[in-house]
């Protein structure tokens, strides 16, 4: 029993040591993600409450474009992971191409979300009052704002990688600079979280409305 307790203490120390070793920007990112997660959890709970109350009297036709947008953002995470791998292989030409694919799919996602809002409006679901339909607008728009933040950051990184792609010296300096790795890691953590968050929201919408 005492040996088990000592093992647990060592594991806790190891976890704390790992947390302490994280760069402050990474820790700030995780804290920000926790805050975003809590905000979306509250919105989804309110949405479920309204959808259960008015599911029979006010059925909502789920936007078809939301299905396609989900495929787009999941695909973008695949290309981002490939971009991250190319960074460590010093292949900035493939890195910029994959990151460009991420940016393009992010734009496609945002565009389809707007189309989804138009579909809701065409089906006489309006952003008025405290209804399940109104929460569809609010939650999707709130998520879009966060995705836009990730897109802006990815555009900044993409611009930097495009400039360095043909310069072997600049590539070497970049891949050996720990802070450059952290910059890409921040994008990876944030974007994958936005991806997983939307999938969770999408599934929640389906459970409540279909």
N, C-alpha and C. Protein backbone atom coordinates (compact mmCIF):
# COMPACT_ATOMS: atom_id res chain seq x y z
N UNK A 1 0.84 -1.21 0.00
CA UNK A 1 0.00 0.00 0.00
C UNK A 1 0.87 1.26 0.00
N UNK A 2 1.90 1.23 0.86
CA UNK A 2 2.80 2.38 0.95
C UNK A 2 3.57 2.57 -0.34
N UNK A 3 3.93 1.45 -0.97
CA UNK A 3 4.66 1.51 -2.24
C UNK A 3 3.78 2.13 -3.33
N UNK A 4 2.48 1.78 -3.31
CA UNK A 4 1.54 2.33 -4.28
C UNK A 4 1.40 3.84 -4.11
N UNK A 5 1.34 4.30 -2.85
CA UNK A 5 1.24 5.73 -2.57
C UNK A 5 2.47 6.48 -3.05
N UNK A 6 3.64 5.86 -2.84
CA UNK A 6 4.89 6.48 -3.29
C UNK A 6 4.93 6.58 -4.81
N UNK A 7 4.40 5.55 -5.48
CA UNK A 7 4.33 5.56 -6.96
C UNK A 7 3.42 6.67 -7.44
N UNK A 8 2.26 6.85 -6.77
CA UNK A 8 1.32 7.91 -7.14
C UNK A 8 1.94 9.29 -6.96
N UNK A 9 2.72 9.45 -5.86
CA UNK A 9 3.38 10.74 -5.60
C UNK A 9 4.39 11.05 -6.69
N UNK A 10 5.14 10.01 -7.11
CA UNK A 10 6.13 10.20 -8.18
C UNK A 10 5.44 10.61 -9.48
N UNK A 11 4.30 9.95 -9.79
CA UNK A 11 3.56 10.27 -11.01
C UNK A 11 3.05 11.71 -10.98
N UNK A 12 2.56 12.15 -9.80
CA UNK A 12 2.07 13.52 -9.66
C UNK A 12 3.22 14.52 -9.84
N UNK A 13 4.37 14.20 -9.27
CA UNK A 13 5.53 15.08 -9.41
C UNK A 13 5.96 15.17 -10.86
N UNK A 14 5.90 14.01 -11.54
CA UNK A 14 6.28 13.99 -12.95
C UNK A 14 5.35 14.87 -13.77
N UNK A 15 4.05 14.80 -13.48
CA UNK A 15 3.06 15.61 -14.20
C UNK A 15 3.30 17.09 -13.95
N UNK A 16 3.55 17.44 -12.68
CA UNK A 16 3.80 18.84 -12.33
C UNK A 16 5.08 19.34 -12.99
N UNK A 17 6.10 18.48 -13.02
CA UNK A 17 7.36 18.86 -13.66
C UNK A 17 7.17 19.12 -15.15
N UNK A 18 6.33 18.28 -15.77
CA UNK A 18 6.05 18.45 -17.21
C UNK A 18 5.33 19.77 -17.45
N UNK A 19 4.38 20.09 -16.56
CA UNK A 19 3.64 21.34 -16.70
C UNK A 19 4.57 22.55 -16.53
N UNK A 20 5.49 22.43 -15.57
CA UNK A 20 6.42 23.53 -15.31
C UNK A 20 7.38 23.74 -16.47
N UNK A 21 7.67 22.66 -17.20
CA UNK A 21 8.61 22.73 -18.31
C UNK A 21 7.98 23.31 -19.57
N UNK A 22 6.66 23.39 -19.60
CA UNK A 22 5.97 23.94 -20.77
C UNK A 22 6.26 25.43 -20.91
N UNK A 23 6.35 25.87 -22.16
CA UNK A 23 6.56 27.29 -22.42
C UNK A 23 5.33 28.08 -21.94
N UNK A 24 5.53 29.27 -21.41
CA UNK A 24 4.38 30.08 -20.92
C UNK A 24 3.29 30.27 -21.97
N UNK A 25 3.68 30.42 -23.26
CA UNK A 25 2.69 30.58 -24.31
C UNK A 25 1.82 29.34 -24.46
N UNK A 26 2.45 28.16 -24.29
CA UNK A 26 1.69 26.92 -24.39
C UNK A 26 0.71 26.81 -23.24
N UNK A 27 1.16 27.17 -22.03
CA UNK A 27 0.28 27.15 -20.87
C UNK A 27 -0.88 28.12 -21.03
N UNK A 28 -0.59 29.31 -21.58
CA UNK A 28 -1.64 30.29 -21.83
C UNK A 28 -2.65 29.76 -22.85
N UNK A 29 -2.14 29.04 -23.85
CA UNK A 29 -3.03 28.46 -24.85
C UNK A 29 -3.97 27.44 -24.21
N UNK A 30 -3.43 26.58 -23.36
CA UNK A 30 -4.26 25.57 -22.70
C UNK A 30 -5.31 26.23 -21.79
N UNK A 31 -4.91 27.29 -21.09
CA UNK A 31 -5.86 28.00 -20.24
C UNK A 31 -6.96 28.65 -21.08
N UNK A 32 -6.56 29.23 -22.22
CA UNK A 32 -7.54 29.83 -23.12
C UNK A 32 -8.51 28.80 -23.66
N UNK A 33 -7.99 27.64 -24.01
CA UNK A 33 -8.83 26.55 -24.52
C UNK A 33 -9.83 26.10 -23.47
N UNK A 34 -9.38 26.03 -22.21
CA UNK A 34 -10.30 25.65 -21.13
C UNK A 34 -11.44 26.65 -21.00
N UNK A 35 -11.11 27.94 -21.13
CA UNK A 35 -12.14 28.97 -21.06
C UNK A 35 -13.12 28.87 -22.21
N UNK A 36 -12.60 28.65 -23.41
CA UNK A 36 -13.46 28.50 -24.60
C UNK A 36 -14.37 27.28 -24.45
N UNK A 37 -13.80 26.18 -23.96
CA UNK A 37 -14.57 24.95 -23.77
C UNK A 37 -15.73 25.18 -22.80
N UNK A 38 -15.47 25.88 -21.71
CA UNK A 38 -16.51 26.14 -20.72
C UNK A 38 -17.61 27.02 -21.30
N UNK A 39 -17.23 28.01 -22.12
CA UNK A 39 -18.22 28.90 -22.73
C UNK A 39 -19.12 28.12 -23.68
N UNK A 40 -18.54 27.26 -24.49
CA UNK A 40 -19.32 26.47 -25.44
C UNK A 40 -20.17 25.43 -24.74
N UNK A 41 -19.66 24.88 -23.64
CA UNK A 41 -20.45 23.91 -22.86
C UNK A 41 -21.72 24.56 -22.34
N UNK A 42 -21.60 25.79 -21.83
CA UNK A 42 -22.77 26.52 -21.34
C UNK A 42 -23.76 26.77 -22.47
N UNK A 43 -23.27 27.22 -23.61
CA UNK A 43 -24.15 27.49 -24.75
C UNK A 43 -24.87 26.22 -25.22
N UNK A 44 -24.15 25.10 -25.25
CA UNK A 44 -24.75 23.84 -25.69
C UNK A 44 -25.81 23.36 -24.69
N UNK A 45 -25.57 23.57 -23.41
CA UNK A 45 -26.57 23.19 -22.40
C UNK A 45 -27.85 24.01 -22.58
N UNK A 46 -27.68 25.30 -22.84
CA UNK A 46 -28.85 26.16 -23.09
C UNK A 46 -29.57 25.73 -24.36
N UNK A 47 -28.80 25.37 -25.37
CA UNK A 47 -29.38 24.91 -26.63
C UNK A 47 -30.19 23.63 -26.43
N UNK A 48 -29.61 22.67 -25.70
CA UNK A 48 -30.31 21.41 -25.45
C UNK A 48 -31.59 21.64 -24.66
N UNK A 49 -31.54 22.56 -23.71
CA UNK A 49 -32.72 22.87 -22.91
C UNK A 49 -33.86 23.39 -23.80
N UNK A 50 -33.54 24.32 -24.71
CA UNK A 50 -34.54 24.88 -25.60
C UNK A 50 -35.02 23.88 -26.63
N UNK A 51 -34.10 23.05 -27.15
CA UNK A 51 -34.47 22.09 -28.18
C UNK A 51 -35.40 21.01 -27.62
N UNK A 52 -35.19 20.62 -26.35
CA UNK A 52 -36.05 19.62 -25.73
C UNK A 52 -37.45 20.17 -25.48
N UNK A 53 -37.50 21.45 -25.12
CA UNK A 53 -38.80 22.08 -24.82
C UNK A 53 -39.64 22.25 -26.09
N UNK A 54 -38.99 22.65 -27.19
CA UNK A 54 -39.74 23.03 -28.38
C UNK A 54 -39.49 22.12 -29.58
N UNK A 55 -39.01 20.90 -29.32
CA UNK A 55 -38.69 19.98 -30.42
C UNK A 55 -39.93 19.57 -31.20
N UNK A 56 -41.06 19.44 -30.49
CA UNK A 56 -42.29 18.96 -31.15
C UNK A 56 -42.99 20.10 -31.87
N UNK A 57 -43.13 21.23 -31.20
CA UNK A 57 -43.90 22.34 -31.77
C UNK A 57 -43.15 23.11 -32.84
N UNK A 58 -41.78 23.14 -32.75
CA UNK A 58 -40.99 23.91 -33.72
C UNK A 58 -39.82 23.07 -34.26
N UNK A 59 -40.11 22.08 -35.13
CA UNK A 59 -39.03 21.26 -35.68
C UNK A 59 -38.09 22.10 -36.56
N UNK A 60 -36.80 21.79 -36.50
CA UNK A 60 -35.79 22.54 -37.25
C UNK A 60 -35.15 21.64 -38.29
N UNK A 61 -35.15 22.10 -39.53
CA UNK A 61 -34.48 21.36 -40.60
C UNK A 61 -32.98 21.66 -40.54
N UNK A 62 -32.19 20.63 -40.35
CA UNK A 62 -30.76 20.82 -40.16
C UNK A 62 -30.10 21.23 -41.47
N UNK A 63 -29.25 22.29 -41.46
CA UNK A 63 -28.60 22.76 -42.69
C UNK A 63 -27.67 21.71 -43.30
N UNK A 64 -27.85 21.43 -44.58
CA UNK A 64 -27.02 20.44 -45.26
C UNK A 64 -25.57 20.90 -45.34
N UNK A 65 -25.36 22.20 -45.45
CA UNK A 65 -24.00 22.73 -45.57
C UNK A 65 -23.16 22.48 -44.32
N UNK A 66 -23.81 22.28 -43.16
CA UNK A 66 -23.08 21.97 -41.94
C UNK A 66 -22.37 20.61 -42.05
N UNK A 67 -22.99 19.69 -42.79
CA UNK A 67 -22.37 18.38 -43.01
C UNK A 67 -21.06 18.55 -43.79
N UNK A 68 -21.13 19.33 -44.87
CA UNK A 68 -19.96 19.52 -45.74
C UNK A 68 -18.88 20.30 -45.00
N UNK A 69 -19.29 21.30 -44.23
CA UNK A 69 -18.31 22.11 -43.50
C UNK A 69 -17.55 21.26 -42.48
N UNK A 70 -18.22 20.26 -41.92
CA UNK A 70 -17.56 19.36 -40.97
C UNK A 70 -16.45 18.57 -41.66
N UNK A 71 -16.73 18.10 -42.87
CA UNK A 71 -15.71 17.38 -43.65
C UNK A 71 -14.53 18.30 -43.93
N UNK A 72 -14.82 19.57 -44.24
CA UNK A 72 -13.76 20.54 -44.56
C UNK A 72 -12.83 20.77 -43.38
N UNK A 73 -13.39 20.97 -42.20
CA UNK A 73 -12.52 21.30 -41.06
C UNK A 73 -11.76 20.07 -40.56
N UNK A 74 -12.37 18.89 -40.66
CA UNK A 74 -11.66 17.67 -40.28
C UNK A 74 -10.49 17.43 -41.24
N UNK A 75 -10.73 17.68 -42.52
CA UNK A 75 -9.67 17.53 -43.53
C UNK A 75 -8.53 18.52 -43.28
N UNK A 76 -8.88 19.72 -42.84
CA UNK A 76 -7.85 20.73 -42.59
C UNK A 76 -6.89 20.29 -41.49
N UNK A 77 -7.39 19.57 -40.49
CA UNK A 77 -6.53 19.08 -39.42
C UNK A 77 -5.54 18.04 -39.95
N UNK A 78 -5.99 17.25 -40.92
CA UNK A 78 -5.10 16.27 -41.54
C UNK A 78 -3.94 16.97 -42.24
N UNK A 79 -4.23 18.03 -42.99
CA UNK A 79 -3.18 18.77 -43.70
C UNK A 79 -2.27 19.52 -42.72
N UNK A 80 -2.84 19.99 -41.61
CA UNK A 80 -2.02 20.68 -40.62
C UNK A 80 -1.02 19.72 -39.99
N UNK A 81 -1.45 18.50 -39.75
CA UNK A 81 -0.54 17.51 -39.18
C UNK A 81 0.58 17.18 -40.17
N UNK A 82 0.24 17.12 -41.45
CA UNK A 82 1.27 16.90 -42.47
C UNK A 82 2.23 18.08 -42.53
N UNK A 83 1.71 19.29 -42.37
CA UNK A 83 2.55 20.48 -42.36
C UNK A 83 3.53 20.45 -41.18
N UNK A 84 3.04 20.03 -40.04
CA UNK A 84 3.90 19.94 -38.85
C UNK A 84 5.04 18.94 -39.08
N UNK A 85 4.72 17.82 -39.71
CA UNK A 85 5.74 16.80 -40.00
C UNK A 85 6.79 17.34 -40.97
N UNK A 86 6.34 18.12 -41.96
CA UNK A 86 7.27 18.67 -42.94
C UNK A 86 8.20 19.71 -42.31
N UNK A 87 7.73 20.38 -41.27
CA UNK A 87 8.58 21.34 -40.56
C UNK A 87 9.81 20.64 -39.99
N UNK A 88 9.59 19.49 -39.39
CA UNK A 88 10.70 18.75 -38.78
C UNK A 88 11.56 18.03 -39.81
N UNK A 89 11.05 17.94 -41.04
CA UNK A 89 11.85 17.35 -42.13
C UNK A 89 12.56 18.44 -42.95
N UNK A 90 12.43 19.68 -42.52
CA UNK A 90 13.06 20.83 -43.20
C UNK A 90 12.57 21.02 -44.63
N UNK A 91 11.38 20.52 -44.92
CA UNK A 91 10.82 20.63 -46.27
C UNK A 91 9.77 21.75 -46.28
N UNK A 92 10.24 22.98 -46.47
CA UNK A 92 9.34 24.13 -46.36
C UNK A 92 8.43 24.29 -47.58
N UNK A 93 8.80 23.68 -48.70
CA UNK A 93 7.93 23.77 -49.87
C UNK A 93 6.65 22.97 -49.63
N UNK A 94 6.79 21.76 -49.11
CA UNK A 94 5.61 20.95 -48.78
C UNK A 94 4.90 21.53 -47.56
N UNK A 95 5.68 22.11 -46.66
CA UNK A 95 5.09 22.74 -45.48
C UNK A 95 4.13 23.86 -45.87
N UNK A 96 4.59 24.74 -46.75
CA UNK A 96 3.74 25.87 -47.16
C UNK A 96 2.53 25.38 -47.95
N UNK A 97 2.69 24.31 -48.76
CA UNK A 97 1.57 23.78 -49.53
C UNK A 97 0.49 23.19 -48.62
N UNK A 98 0.94 22.46 -47.60
CA UNK A 98 -0.02 21.88 -46.66
C UNK A 98 -0.69 22.95 -45.82
N UNK A 99 0.08 23.95 -45.42
CA UNK A 99 -0.50 25.04 -44.63
C UNK A 99 -1.46 25.88 -45.48
N UNK A 100 -1.15 25.99 -46.76
CA UNK A 100 -2.06 26.68 -47.67
C UNK A 100 -3.37 25.91 -47.81
N UNK A 101 -3.28 24.57 -47.80
CA UNK A 101 -4.48 23.74 -47.84
C UNK A 101 -5.32 23.94 -46.58
N UNK A 102 -4.64 24.06 -45.44
CA UNK A 102 -5.34 24.32 -44.17
C UNK A 102 -6.08 25.65 -44.25
N UNK A 103 -5.40 26.66 -44.76
CA UNK A 103 -6.01 27.99 -44.86
C UNK A 103 -7.21 27.96 -45.82
N UNK A 104 -7.03 27.29 -46.95
CA UNK A 104 -8.12 27.20 -47.92
C UNK A 104 -9.33 26.47 -47.38
N UNK A 105 -9.10 25.36 -46.70
CA UNK A 105 -10.21 24.59 -46.12
C UNK A 105 -10.87 25.36 -44.98
N UNK A 106 -10.09 26.18 -44.28
CA UNK A 106 -10.67 27.03 -43.25
C UNK A 106 -11.63 28.05 -43.85
N UNK A 107 -11.24 28.62 -44.99
CA UNK A 107 -12.11 29.57 -45.70
C UNK A 107 -13.38 28.86 -46.18
N UNK A 108 -13.21 27.63 -46.70
CA UNK A 108 -14.36 26.85 -47.15
C UNK A 108 -15.30 26.58 -45.97
N UNK A 109 -14.73 26.23 -44.83
CA UNK A 109 -15.54 25.98 -43.63
C UNK A 109 -16.37 27.20 -43.26
N UNK A 110 -15.71 28.37 -43.19
CA UNK A 110 -16.42 29.59 -42.83
C UNK A 110 -17.52 29.92 -43.84
N UNK A 111 -17.21 29.74 -45.11
CA UNK A 111 -18.19 30.02 -46.17
C UNK A 111 -19.42 29.13 -46.03
N UNK A 112 -19.18 27.85 -45.76
CA UNK A 112 -20.29 26.90 -45.62
C UNK A 112 -21.10 27.17 -44.36
N UNK A 113 -20.46 27.70 -43.33
CA UNK A 113 -21.19 28.08 -42.12
C UNK A 113 -22.15 29.24 -42.42
N UNK A 114 -21.68 30.17 -43.24
CA UNK A 114 -22.55 31.29 -43.65
C UNK A 114 -23.71 30.77 -44.48
N UNK A 115 -23.42 29.84 -45.38
CA UNK A 115 -24.48 29.21 -46.19
C UNK A 115 -25.48 28.50 -45.28
N UNK A 116 -24.95 27.86 -44.23
CA UNK A 116 -25.83 27.19 -43.27
C UNK A 116 -26.77 28.16 -42.59
N UNK A 117 -26.27 29.33 -42.25
CA UNK A 117 -27.12 30.37 -41.66
C UNK A 117 -28.20 30.80 -42.64
N UNK A 118 -27.83 30.90 -43.92
CA UNK A 118 -28.81 31.26 -44.96
C UNK A 118 -29.87 30.18 -45.09
N UNK A 119 -29.46 28.91 -45.01
CA UNK A 119 -30.42 27.81 -45.08
C UNK A 119 -31.41 27.87 -43.92
N UNK A 120 -30.90 28.16 -42.73
CA UNK A 120 -31.78 28.29 -41.58
C UNK A 120 -32.80 29.40 -41.79
N UNK A 121 -32.31 30.53 -42.33
CA UNK A 121 -33.20 31.67 -42.58
C UNK A 121 -34.26 31.31 -43.61
N UNK A 122 -33.86 30.58 -44.65
CA UNK A 122 -34.81 30.16 -45.68
C UNK A 122 -35.87 29.21 -45.12
N UNK A 123 -35.50 28.47 -44.11
CA UNK A 123 -36.44 27.55 -43.47
C UNK A 123 -37.21 28.20 -42.32
N UNK A 124 -37.17 29.55 -42.31
CA UNK A 124 -37.92 30.35 -41.34
C UNK A 124 -37.45 30.13 -39.89
N UNK A 125 -36.15 29.91 -39.74
CA UNK A 125 -35.54 29.86 -38.41
C UNK A 125 -34.76 31.15 -38.25
N UNK A 126 -35.18 31.98 -37.31
CA UNK A 126 -34.60 33.32 -37.21
C UNK A 126 -33.83 33.51 -35.90
N UNK A 127 -32.95 34.50 -35.91
CA UNK A 127 -32.17 34.84 -34.72
C UNK A 127 -32.99 35.81 -33.87
N UNK A 128 -34.04 35.29 -33.31
CA UNK A 128 -34.93 36.11 -32.49
C UNK A 128 -35.40 35.31 -31.28
N UNK A 129 -35.30 35.91 -30.13
CA UNK A 129 -35.79 35.26 -28.92
C UNK A 129 -34.88 34.16 -28.42
N UNK A 130 -35.30 33.55 -27.33
CA UNK A 130 -34.53 32.47 -26.71
C UNK A 130 -35.06 31.14 -27.22
N UNK A 131 -34.66 30.77 -28.43
CA UNK A 131 -35.14 29.52 -29.04
C UNK A 131 -33.96 28.66 -29.45
N UNK A 132 -34.24 27.38 -29.74
CA UNK A 132 -33.19 26.46 -30.17
C UNK A 132 -32.57 26.95 -31.48
N UNK A 133 -33.43 27.48 -32.37
CA UNK A 133 -32.94 28.00 -33.65
C UNK A 133 -31.99 29.16 -33.47
N UNK A 134 -32.28 30.03 -32.52
CA UNK A 134 -31.41 31.17 -32.25
C UNK A 134 -30.05 30.70 -31.76
N UNK A 135 -30.03 29.64 -30.95
CA UNK A 135 -28.77 29.12 -30.45
C UNK A 135 -27.94 28.49 -31.56
N UNK A 136 -28.59 27.98 -32.59
CA UNK A 136 -27.84 27.47 -33.75
C UNK A 136 -27.00 28.59 -34.37
N UNK A 137 -27.62 29.74 -34.54
CA UNK A 137 -26.90 30.91 -35.07
C UNK A 137 -25.77 31.33 -34.14
N UNK A 138 -26.10 31.45 -32.85
CA UNK A 138 -25.14 31.98 -31.88
C UNK A 138 -23.92 31.06 -31.74
N UNK A 139 -24.17 29.76 -31.59
CA UNK A 139 -23.07 28.81 -31.38
C UNK A 139 -22.19 28.71 -32.61
N UNK A 140 -22.81 28.60 -33.79
CA UNK A 140 -22.01 28.49 -35.02
C UNK A 140 -21.22 29.78 -35.28
N UNK A 141 -21.84 30.94 -35.01
CA UNK A 141 -21.15 32.22 -35.21
C UNK A 141 -20.00 32.39 -34.21
N UNK A 142 -20.21 31.98 -32.98
CA UNK A 142 -19.17 32.06 -31.95
C UNK A 142 -17.97 31.19 -32.33
N UNK A 143 -18.27 30.01 -32.86
CA UNK A 143 -17.20 29.12 -33.31
C UNK A 143 -16.48 29.71 -34.53
N UNK A 144 -17.23 30.31 -35.42
CA UNK A 144 -16.63 30.94 -36.61
C UNK A 144 -15.63 32.02 -36.23
N UNK A 145 -15.97 32.81 -35.23
CA UNK A 145 -15.07 33.88 -34.77
C UNK A 145 -13.74 33.30 -34.30
N UNK A 146 -13.81 32.20 -33.56
CA UNK A 146 -12.59 31.56 -33.07
C UNK A 146 -11.78 30.94 -34.22
N UNK A 147 -12.47 30.37 -35.20
CA UNK A 147 -11.78 29.82 -36.36
C UNK A 147 -11.09 30.93 -37.14
N UNK A 148 -11.75 32.07 -37.25
CA UNK A 148 -11.14 33.22 -37.94
C UNK A 148 -9.83 33.64 -37.26
N UNK A 149 -9.81 33.58 -35.94
CA UNK A 149 -8.58 33.89 -35.21
C UNK A 149 -7.46 32.94 -35.59
N UNK A 150 -7.79 31.64 -35.69
CA UNK A 150 -6.81 30.65 -36.11
C UNK A 150 -6.36 30.87 -37.54
N UNK A 151 -7.27 31.28 -38.41
CA UNK A 151 -6.93 31.55 -39.81
C UNK A 151 -5.97 32.72 -39.94
N UNK A 152 -6.20 33.75 -39.17
CA UNK A 152 -5.31 34.93 -39.21
C UNK A 152 -3.90 34.53 -38.79
N UNK A 153 -3.83 33.74 -37.72
CA UNK A 153 -2.51 33.30 -37.25
C UNK A 153 -1.84 32.38 -38.27
N UNK A 154 -2.62 31.48 -38.89
CA UNK A 154 -2.06 30.59 -39.91
C UNK A 154 -1.58 31.37 -41.12
N UNK A 155 -2.28 32.46 -41.45
CA UNK A 155 -1.87 33.30 -42.59
C UNK A 155 -0.52 33.97 -42.30
N UNK A 156 -0.31 34.39 -41.05
CA UNK A 156 0.95 35.01 -40.66
C UNK A 156 2.09 34.01 -40.79
N UNK A 157 1.88 32.79 -40.27
CA UNK A 157 2.90 31.76 -40.38
C UNK A 157 3.15 31.37 -41.84
N UNK A 158 2.07 31.25 -42.60
CA UNK A 158 2.20 30.89 -44.01
C UNK A 158 3.04 31.91 -44.77
N UNK A 159 2.80 33.18 -44.50
CA UNK A 159 3.56 34.25 -45.14
C UNK A 159 5.06 34.12 -44.81
N UNK A 160 5.36 33.80 -43.58
CA UNK A 160 6.76 33.63 -43.16
C UNK A 160 7.40 32.43 -43.86
N UNK A 161 6.66 31.33 -43.95
CA UNK A 161 7.22 30.12 -44.57
C UNK A 161 7.40 30.28 -46.07
N UNK A 162 6.53 31.02 -46.71
CA UNK A 162 6.66 31.27 -48.15
C UNK A 162 7.94 32.04 -48.43
N UNK A 163 8.23 33.03 -47.59
CA UNK A 163 9.44 33.84 -47.76
C UNK A 163 10.72 33.02 -47.54
N UNK A 164 10.63 32.00 -46.68
CA UNK A 164 11.82 31.23 -46.33
C UNK A 164 11.98 29.94 -47.14
N UNK A 165 10.95 29.57 -47.90
CA UNK A 165 10.92 28.27 -48.56
C UNK A 165 12.09 28.02 -49.50
N UNK A 166 12.62 29.05 -50.14
CA UNK A 166 13.71 28.89 -51.12
C UNK A 166 15.08 29.31 -50.57
N UNK A 167 15.14 29.57 -49.28
CA UNK A 167 16.40 30.01 -48.67
C UNK A 167 16.84 28.97 -47.64
N UNK A 168 17.84 28.18 -47.98
CA UNK A 168 18.29 27.08 -47.12
C UNK A 168 18.79 27.59 -45.77
N UNK A 169 19.43 28.75 -45.77
CA UNK A 169 19.96 29.31 -44.52
C UNK A 169 18.81 29.69 -43.58
N UNK A 170 17.80 30.36 -44.13
CA UNK A 170 16.64 30.76 -43.33
C UNK A 170 15.89 29.54 -42.80
N UNK A 171 15.81 28.50 -43.62
CA UNK A 171 15.15 27.26 -43.17
C UNK A 171 15.89 26.66 -41.99
N UNK A 172 17.20 26.61 -42.09
CA UNK A 172 18.03 26.05 -41.02
C UNK A 172 17.87 26.86 -39.73
N UNK A 173 17.88 28.17 -39.86
CA UNK A 173 17.71 29.04 -38.69
C UNK A 173 16.34 28.82 -38.04
N UNK A 174 15.32 28.66 -38.88
CA UNK A 174 13.95 28.50 -38.38
C UNK A 174 13.77 27.18 -37.65
N UNK A 175 14.22 26.07 -38.25
CA UNK A 175 13.99 24.75 -37.65
C UNK A 175 14.83 24.52 -36.40
N UNK A 176 15.90 25.28 -36.24
CA UNK A 176 16.74 25.14 -35.04
C UNK A 176 16.38 26.14 -33.95
N UNK A 177 15.41 26.99 -34.25
CA UNK A 177 14.97 27.98 -33.27
C UNK A 177 13.79 27.42 -32.46
N UNK A 178 13.95 27.17 -31.17
CA UNK A 178 12.87 26.59 -30.36
C UNK A 178 11.57 27.40 -30.41
N UNK A 179 11.70 28.72 -30.48
CA UNK A 179 10.50 29.55 -30.48
C UNK A 179 9.68 29.36 -31.76
N UNK A 180 10.36 29.09 -32.89
CA UNK A 180 9.65 28.83 -34.15
C UNK A 180 8.84 27.55 -34.04
N UNK A 181 9.37 26.57 -33.34
CA UNK A 181 8.64 25.32 -33.12
C UNK A 181 7.40 25.57 -32.26
N UNK A 182 7.56 26.43 -31.27
CA UNK A 182 6.44 26.76 -30.39
C UNK A 182 5.33 27.47 -31.16
N UNK A 183 5.72 28.35 -32.08
CA UNK A 183 4.72 29.08 -32.88
C UNK A 183 3.85 28.12 -33.68
N UNK A 184 4.49 27.11 -34.29
CA UNK A 184 3.72 26.12 -35.04
C UNK A 184 2.93 25.22 -34.11
N UNK A 185 3.49 24.93 -32.95
CA UNK A 185 2.79 24.10 -31.97
C UNK A 185 1.53 24.80 -31.46
N UNK A 186 1.60 26.10 -31.27
CA UNK A 186 0.43 26.86 -30.84
C UNK A 186 -0.70 26.76 -31.85
N UNK A 187 -0.36 26.90 -33.13
CA UNK A 187 -1.37 26.78 -34.18
C UNK A 187 -1.96 25.38 -34.19
N UNK A 188 -1.09 24.37 -34.06
CA UNK A 188 -1.55 22.98 -34.10
C UNK A 188 -2.52 22.68 -32.97
N UNK A 189 -2.16 23.08 -31.76
CA UNK A 189 -3.02 22.83 -30.59
C UNK A 189 -4.37 23.53 -30.77
N UNK A 190 -4.32 24.80 -31.14
CA UNK A 190 -5.55 25.60 -31.27
C UNK A 190 -6.45 25.06 -32.38
N UNK A 191 -5.84 24.76 -33.54
CA UNK A 191 -6.65 24.35 -34.69
C UNK A 191 -7.28 22.98 -34.46
N UNK A 192 -6.51 22.05 -33.90
CA UNK A 192 -7.08 20.72 -33.61
C UNK A 192 -8.21 20.84 -32.60
N UNK A 193 -8.05 21.74 -31.64
CA UNK A 193 -9.12 21.94 -30.66
C UNK A 193 -10.37 22.49 -31.33
N UNK A 194 -10.20 23.47 -32.23
CA UNK A 194 -11.35 24.02 -32.96
C UNK A 194 -12.05 22.94 -33.79
N UNK A 195 -11.25 22.04 -34.36
CA UNK A 195 -11.78 20.93 -35.14
C UNK A 195 -12.61 20.01 -34.25
N UNK A 196 -12.01 19.55 -33.15
CA UNK A 196 -12.71 18.64 -32.24
C UNK A 196 -13.95 19.31 -31.65
N UNK A 197 -13.83 20.58 -31.32
CA UNK A 197 -14.95 21.33 -30.76
C UNK A 197 -16.13 21.37 -31.73
N UNK A 198 -15.84 21.65 -33.02
CA UNK A 198 -16.93 21.72 -33.98
C UNK A 198 -17.58 20.35 -34.17
N UNK A 199 -16.78 19.29 -34.21
CA UNK A 199 -17.34 17.94 -34.36
C UNK A 199 -18.28 17.64 -33.19
N UNK A 200 -17.87 18.03 -31.98
CA UNK A 200 -18.71 17.82 -30.80
C UNK A 200 -20.01 18.64 -30.91
N UNK A 201 -19.88 19.89 -31.36
CA UNK A 201 -21.07 20.74 -31.55
C UNK A 201 -21.98 20.14 -32.61
N UNK A 202 -21.40 19.72 -33.70
CA UNK A 202 -22.15 19.13 -34.82
C UNK A 202 -22.93 17.89 -34.36
N UNK A 203 -22.26 17.02 -33.62
CA UNK A 203 -22.93 15.82 -33.11
C UNK A 203 -24.05 16.21 -32.15
N UNK A 204 -23.77 17.21 -31.31
CA UNK A 204 -24.81 17.70 -30.41
C UNK A 204 -26.03 18.23 -31.14
N UNK A 205 -25.79 18.99 -32.22
CA UNK A 205 -26.89 19.48 -33.05
C UNK A 205 -27.72 18.31 -33.62
N UNK A 206 -27.01 17.30 -34.11
CA UNK A 206 -27.69 16.15 -34.72
C UNK A 206 -28.54 15.42 -33.69
N UNK A 207 -27.98 15.18 -32.50
CA UNK A 207 -28.71 14.47 -31.45
C UNK A 207 -29.98 15.22 -31.06
N UNK A 208 -29.86 16.54 -30.98
CA UNK A 208 -31.00 17.35 -30.52
C UNK A 208 -32.07 17.54 -31.59
N UNK A 209 -31.66 17.58 -32.86
CA UNK A 209 -32.61 18.00 -33.91
C UNK A 209 -33.06 16.89 -34.85
N UNK A 210 -32.30 15.82 -34.96
CA UNK A 210 -32.67 14.77 -35.92
C UNK A 210 -33.38 13.60 -35.23
